[in-house]
């Protein structure tokens, strides 16, 4: 059975190669960053749309 592709595992496996091949850490790190920012922005948008207290002001 092949290993599951996970961003955290990819970062952990690439730690020893950071100095020689920095892109091995860059792309999974950017994917995590973009995902976290997107989820935060979606949460803010949902709160603004659904929170009745925000509509009054």
PDB file of N, CA and C in Angstrom:
ATOM      1  N   UNK A   1       0.853  -1.182   0.000  1.00  0.00           N
ATOM      2  CA  UNK A   1       0.000   0.000   0.000  1.00  0.00           C
ATOM      3  C   UNK A   1       0.894   1.239   0.000  1.00  0.00           C
ATOM      4  N   UNK A   2       0.688   2.149  -0.958  1.00  0.00           N
ATOM      5  CA  UNK A   2       1.508   3.364  -1.006  1.00  0.00           C
ATOM      6  C   UNK A   2       1.168   4.294   0.158  1.00  0.00           C
ATOM      7  N   UNK A   3       2.133   5.098   0.574  1.00  0.00           N
ATOM      8  CA  UNK A   3       1.860   6.026   1.681  1.00  0.00           C
ATOM      9  C   UNK A   3       0.878   7.122   1.255  1.00  0.00           C
ATOM     10  N   UNK A   4       0.148   7.632   2.224  1.00  0.00           N
ATOM     11  CA  UNK A   4      -0.806   8.704   1.936  1.00  0.00           C
ATOM     12  C   UNK A   4      -0.055  10.023   1.794  1.00  0.00           C
ATOM     13  N   UNK A   5      -0.445  10.786   0.813  1.00  0.00           N
ATOM     14  CA  UNK A   5       0.184  12.094   0.612  1.00  0.00           C
ATOM     15  C   UNK A   5      -0.461  13.098   1.559  1.00  0.00           C
ATOM     16  N   UNK A   6       0.289  13.545   2.545  1.00  0.00           N
ATOM     17  CA  UNK A   6      -0.191  14.546   3.494  1.00  0.00           C
ATOM     18  C   UNK A   6       0.826  15.667   3.541  1.00  0.00           C
ATOM     19  N   UNK A   7       0.342  16.902   3.677  1.00  0.00           N
ATOM     20  CA  UNK A   7       1.243  18.053   3.676  1.00  0.00           C
ATOM     21  C   UNK A   7       2.185  18.018   4.868  1.00  0.00           C
ATOM     22  N   UNK A   8       1.694  17.650   6.027  1.00  0.00           N
ATOM     23  CA  UNK A   8       2.543  17.576   7.216  1.00  0.00           C
ATOM     24  C   UNK A   8       3.636  16.534   7.063  1.00  0.00           C
ATOM     25  N   UNK A   9       3.293  15.388   6.496  1.00  0.00           N
ATOM     26  CA  UNK A   9       4.280  14.337   6.258  1.00  0.00           C
ATOM     27  C   UNK A   9       5.301  14.790   5.226  1.00  0.00           C
ATOM     28  N   UNK A  10       4.835  15.490   4.201  1.00  0.00           N
ATOM     29  CA  UNK A  10       5.762  15.990   3.186  1.00  0.00           C
ATOM     30  C   UNK A  10       6.758  16.970   3.801  1.00  0.00           C
ATOM     31  N   UNK A  11       6.288  17.849   4.685  1.00  0.00           N
ATOM     32  CA  UNK A  11       7.184  18.801   5.349  1.00  0.00           C
ATOM     33  C   UNK A  11       8.161  18.080   6.264  1.00  0.00           C
ATOM     34  N   UNK A  12       7.676  17.109   7.021  1.00  0.00           N
ATOM     35  CA  UNK A  12       8.542  16.382   7.949  1.00  0.00           C
ATOM     36  C   UNK A  12       9.610  15.589   7.200  1.00  0.00           C
ATOM     37  N   UNK A  13       9.234  14.961   6.089  1.00  0.00           N
ATOM     38  CA  UNK A  13      10.203  14.189   5.309  1.00  0.00           C
ATOM     39  C   UNK A  13      11.235  15.079   4.630  1.00  0.00           C
ATOM     40  N   UNK A  14      10.875  16.309   4.299  1.00  0.00           N
ATOM     41  CA  UNK A  14      11.775  17.209   3.576  1.00  0.00           C
ATOM     42  C   UNK A  14      12.676  18.021   4.499  1.00  0.00           C
ATOM     43  N   UNK A  15      12.514  17.889   5.816  1.00  0.00           N
ATOM     44  CA  UNK A  15      13.304  18.707   6.747  1.00  0.00           C
ATOM     45  C   UNK A  15      14.804  18.509   6.577  1.00  0.00           C
ATOM     46  N   UNK A  16      15.233  17.297   6.301  1.00  0.00           N
ATOM     47  CA  UNK A  16      16.671  17.059   6.171  1.00  0.00           C
ATOM     48  C   UNK A  16      17.246  17.611   4.863  1.00  0.00           C
ATOM     49  N   UNK A  17      16.402  17.951   3.915  1.00  0.00           N
ATOM     50  CA  UNK A  17      16.867  18.457   2.618  1.00  0.00           C
ATOM     51  C   UNK A  17      16.650  19.959   2.452  1.00  0.00           C
ATOM     52  N   UNK A  18      16.332  20.666   3.526  1.00  0.00           N
ATOM     53  CA  UNK A  18      15.993  22.092   3.428  1.00  0.00           C
ATOM     54  C   UNK A  18      17.130  22.900   2.813  1.00  0.00           C
ATOM     55  N   UNK A  19      18.345  22.636   3.216  1.00  0.00           N
ATOM     56  CA  UNK A  19      19.478  23.432   2.706  1.00  0.00           C
ATOM     57  C   UNK A  19      19.782  23.148   1.240  1.00  0.00           C
ATOM     58  N   UNK A  20      19.674  21.911   0.807  1.00  0.00           N
ATOM     59  CA  UNK A  20      20.037  21.585  -0.573  1.00  0.00           C
ATOM     60  C   UNK A  20      18.870  21.751  -1.551  1.00  0.00           C
ATOM     61  N   UNK A  21      17.643  21.476  -1.118  1.00  0.00           N
ATOM     62  CA  UNK A  21      16.465  21.574  -1.987  1.00  0.00           C
ATOM     63  C   UNK A  21      15.328  22.292  -1.258  1.00  0.00           C
ATOM     64  N   UNK A  22      15.387  23.617  -1.183  1.00  0.00           N
ATOM     65  CA  UNK A  22      14.375  24.332  -0.386  1.00  0.00           C
ATOM     66  C   UNK A  22      12.958  24.241  -0.953  1.00  0.00           C
ATOM     67  N   UNK A  23      12.783  23.948  -2.233  1.00  0.00           N
ATOM     68  CA  UNK A  23      11.445  23.882  -2.801  1.00  0.00           C
ATOM     69  C   UNK A  23      10.656  22.676  -2.276  1.00  0.00           C
ATOM     70  N   UNK A  24      11.354  21.680  -1.718  1.00  0.00           N
ATOM     71  CA  UNK A  24      10.650  20.536  -1.136  1.00  0.00           C
ATOM     72  C   UNK A  24       9.811  20.951   0.069  1.00  0.00           C
ATOM     73  N   UNK A  25      10.222  22.025   0.735  1.00  0.00           N
ATOM     74  CA  UNK A  25       9.481  22.536   1.883  1.00  0.00           C
ATOM     75  C   UNK A  25       8.595  23.706   1.468  1.00  0.00           C
ATOM     76  N   UNK A  26       9.003  24.435   0.451  1.00  0.00           N
ATOM     77  CA  UNK A  26       8.293  25.649   0.052  1.00  0.00           C
ATOM     78  C   UNK A  26       6.876  25.359  -0.429  1.00  0.00           C
ATOM     79  N   UNK A  27       6.710  24.409  -1.326  1.00  0.00           N
ATOM     80  CA  UNK A  27       5.393  24.177  -1.915  1.00  0.00           C
ATOM     81  C   UNK A  27       4.377  23.601  -0.933  1.00  0.00           C
ATOM     82  N   UNK A  28       4.720  22.589  -0.128  1.00  0.00           N
ATOM     83  CA  UNK A  28       3.738  22.160   0.881  1.00  0.00           C
ATOM     84  C   UNK A  28       3.453  23.250   1.913  1.00  0.00           C
ATOM     85  N   UNK A  29       4.467  24.029   2.277  1.00  0.00           N
ATOM     86  CA  UNK A  29       4.261  25.126   3.223  1.00  0.00           C
ATOM     87  C   UNK A  29       3.332  26.190   2.659  1.00  0.00           C
ATOM     88  N   UNK A  30       3.510  26.528   1.388  1.00  0.00           N
ATOM     89  CA  UNK A  30       2.616  27.496   0.740  1.00  0.00           C
ATOM     90  C   UNK A  30       1.196  26.955   0.630  1.00  0.00           C
ATOM     91  N   UNK A  31       1.072  25.665   0.361  1.00  0.00           N
ATOM     92  CA  UNK A  31      -0.261  25.063   0.283  1.00  0.00           C
ATOM     93  C   UNK A  31      -0.970  25.157   1.627  1.00  0.00           C
ATOM     94  N   UNK A  32      -0.252  24.883   2.704  1.00  0.00           N
ATOM     95  CA  UNK A  32      -0.836  24.995   4.043  1.00  0.00           C
ATOM     96  C   UNK A  32      -1.208  26.447   4.327  1.00  0.00           C
ATOM     97  N   UNK A  33      -0.321  27.381   4.016  1.00  0.00           N
ATOM     98  CA  UNK A  33      -0.578  28.800   4.261  1.00  0.00           C
ATOM     99  C   UNK A  33      -1.812  29.286   3.501  1.00  0.00           C
ATOM    100  N   UNK A  34      -1.896  28.964   2.225  1.00  0.00           N
ATOM    101  CA  UNK A  34      -3.026  29.406   1.402  1.00  0.00           C
ATOM    102  C   UNK A  34      -4.330  28.797   1.908  1.00  0.00           C
ATOM    103  N   UNK A  35      -4.289  27.533   2.307  1.00  0.00           N
ATOM    104  CA  UNK A  35      -5.489  26.880   2.828  1.00  0.00           C
ATOM    105  C   UNK A  35      -5.967  27.530   4.115  1.00  0.00           C
ATOM    106  N   UNK A  36      -5.046  27.812   5.033  1.00  0.00           N
ATOM    107  CA  UNK A  36      -5.416  28.425   6.309  1.00  0.00           C
ATOM    108  C   UNK A  36      -5.982  29.824   6.094  1.00  0.00           C
ATOM    109  N   UNK A  37      -5.353  30.612   5.228  1.00  0.00           N
ATOM    110  CA  UNK A  37      -5.854  31.965   4.953  1.00  0.00           C
ATOM    111  C   UNK A  37      -7.234  31.904   4.296  1.00  0.00           C
ATOM    112  N   UNK A  38      -7.432  30.976   3.367  1.00  0.00           N
ATOM    113  CA  UNK A  38      -8.731  30.852   2.699  1.00  0.00           C
ATOM    114  C   UNK A  38      -9.827  30.464   3.686  1.00  0.00           C
ATOM    115  N   UNK A  39      -9.529  29.537   4.590  1.00  0.00           N
ATOM    116  CA  UNK A  39     -10.529  29.131   5.584  1.00  0.00           C
ATOM    117  C   UNK A  39     -10.847  30.288   6.518  1.00  0.00           C
ATOM    118  N   UNK A  40      -9.835  31.051   6.914  1.00  0.00           N
ATOM    119  CA  UNK A  40     -10.079  32.212   7.774  1.00  0.00           C
ATOM    120  C   UNK A  40     -10.944  33.256   7.073  1.00  0.00           C
ATOM    121  N   UNK A  41     -10.669  33.525   5.811  1.00  0.00           N
ATOM    122  CA  UNK A  41     -11.468  34.498   5.066  1.00  0.00           C
ATOM    123  C   UNK A  41     -12.903  34.015   4.875  1.00  0.00           C
ATOM    124  N   UNK A  42     -13.075  32.717   4.624  1.00  0.00           N
ATOM    125  CA  UNK A  42     -14.426  32.172   4.510  1.00  0.00           C
ATOM    126  C   UNK A  42     -15.171  32.286   5.833  1.00  0.00           C
ATOM    127  N   UNK A  43     -14.498  32.015   6.929  1.00  0.00           N
ATOM    128  CA  UNK A  43     -15.124  32.143   8.243  1.00  0.00           C
ATOM    129  C   UNK A  43     -15.535  33.571   8.539  1.00  0.00           C
ATOM    130  N   UNK A  44     -14.675  34.527   8.191  1.00  0.00           N
ATOM    131  CA  UNK A  44     -15.023  35.940   8.382  1.00  0.00           C
ATOM    132  C   UNK A  44     -16.227  36.331   7.525  1.00  0.00           C
ATOM    133  N   UNK A  45     -16.256  35.864   6.297  1.00  0.00           N
ATOM    134  CA  UNK A  45     -17.381  36.168   5.418  1.00  0.00           C
ATOM    135  C   UNK A  45     -18.678  35.563   5.920  1.00  0.00           C
ATOM    136  N   UNK A  46     -18.614  34.323   6.404  1.00  0.00           N
ATOM    137  CA  UNK A  46     -19.815  33.692   6.957  1.00  0.00           C
ATOM    138  C   UNK A  46     -20.299  34.421   8.204  1.00  0.00           C
ATOM    139  N   UNK A  47     -19.375  34.832   9.054  1.00  0.00           N
ATOM    140  CA  UNK A  47     -19.771  35.568  10.256  1.00  0.00           C
ATOM    141  C   UNK A  47     -20.439  36.883   9.874  1.00  0.00           C
ATOM    142  N   UNK A  48     -19.860  37.594   8.922  1.00  0.00           N
ATOM    143  CA  UNK A  48     -20.449  38.863   8.485  1.00  0.00           C
ATOM    144  C   UNK A  48     -21.838  38.651   7.884  1.00  0.00           C
ATOM    145  N   UNK A  49     -22.020  37.561   7.161  1.00  0.00           N
ATOM    146  CA  UNK A  49     -23.301  37.312   6.503  1.00  0.00           C
ATOM    147  C   UNK A  49     -24.366  36.795   7.466  1.00  0.00           C
ATOM    148  N   UNK A  50     -23.969  36.050   8.480  1.00  0.00           N
ATOM    149  CA  UNK A  50     -24.953  35.372   9.324  1.00  0.00           C
ATOM    150  C   UNK A  50     -25.130  35.965  10.714  1.00  0.00           C
ATOM    151  N   UNK A  51     -24.255  36.852  11.147  1.00  0.00           N
ATOM    152  CA  UNK A  51     -24.347  37.403  12.501  1.00  0.00           C
ATOM    153  C   UNK A  51     -25.309  38.585  12.514  1.00  0.00           C
ATOM    154  N   UNK A  52     -26.439  38.468  13.210  1.00  0.00           N
ATOM    155  CA  UNK A  52     -27.410  39.570  13.205  1.00  0.00           C
ATOM    156  C   UNK A  52     -26.892  40.823  13.910  1.00  0.00           C
ATOM    157  N   UNK A  53     -25.990  40.683  14.847  1.00  0.00           N
ATOM    158  CA  UNK A  53     -25.455  41.853  15.550  1.00  0.00           C
ATOM    159  C   UNK A  53     -24.607  42.719  14.623  1.00  0.00           C
ATOM    160  N   UNK A  54     -23.973  42.110  13.646  1.00  0.00           N
ATOM    161  CA  UNK A  54     -23.132  42.866  12.715  1.00  0.00           C
ATOM    162  C   UNK A  54     -23.982  43.668  11.736  1.00  0.00           C
ATOM    163  N   UNK A  55     -25.195  43.254  11.468  1.00  0.00           N
ATOM    164  CA  UNK A  55     -26.049  43.937  10.492  1.00  0.00           C
ATOM    165  C   UNK A  55     -26.590  45.254  11.028  1.00  0.00           C
ATOM    166  N   UNK A  56     -26.741  45.382  12.336  1.00  0.00           N
ATOM    167  CA  UNK A  56     -27.324  46.590  12.926  1.00  0.00           C
ATOM    168  C   UNK A  56     -26.427  47.802  12.775  1.00  0.00           C
ATOM    169  N   UNK A  57     -25.127  47.600  12.837  1.00  0.00           N
ATOM    170  CA  UNK A  57     -24.226  48.759  12.818  1.00  0.00           C
ATOM    171  C   UNK A  57     -23.806  49.152  11.430  1.00  0.00           C
TER     172      UNK A  57
END
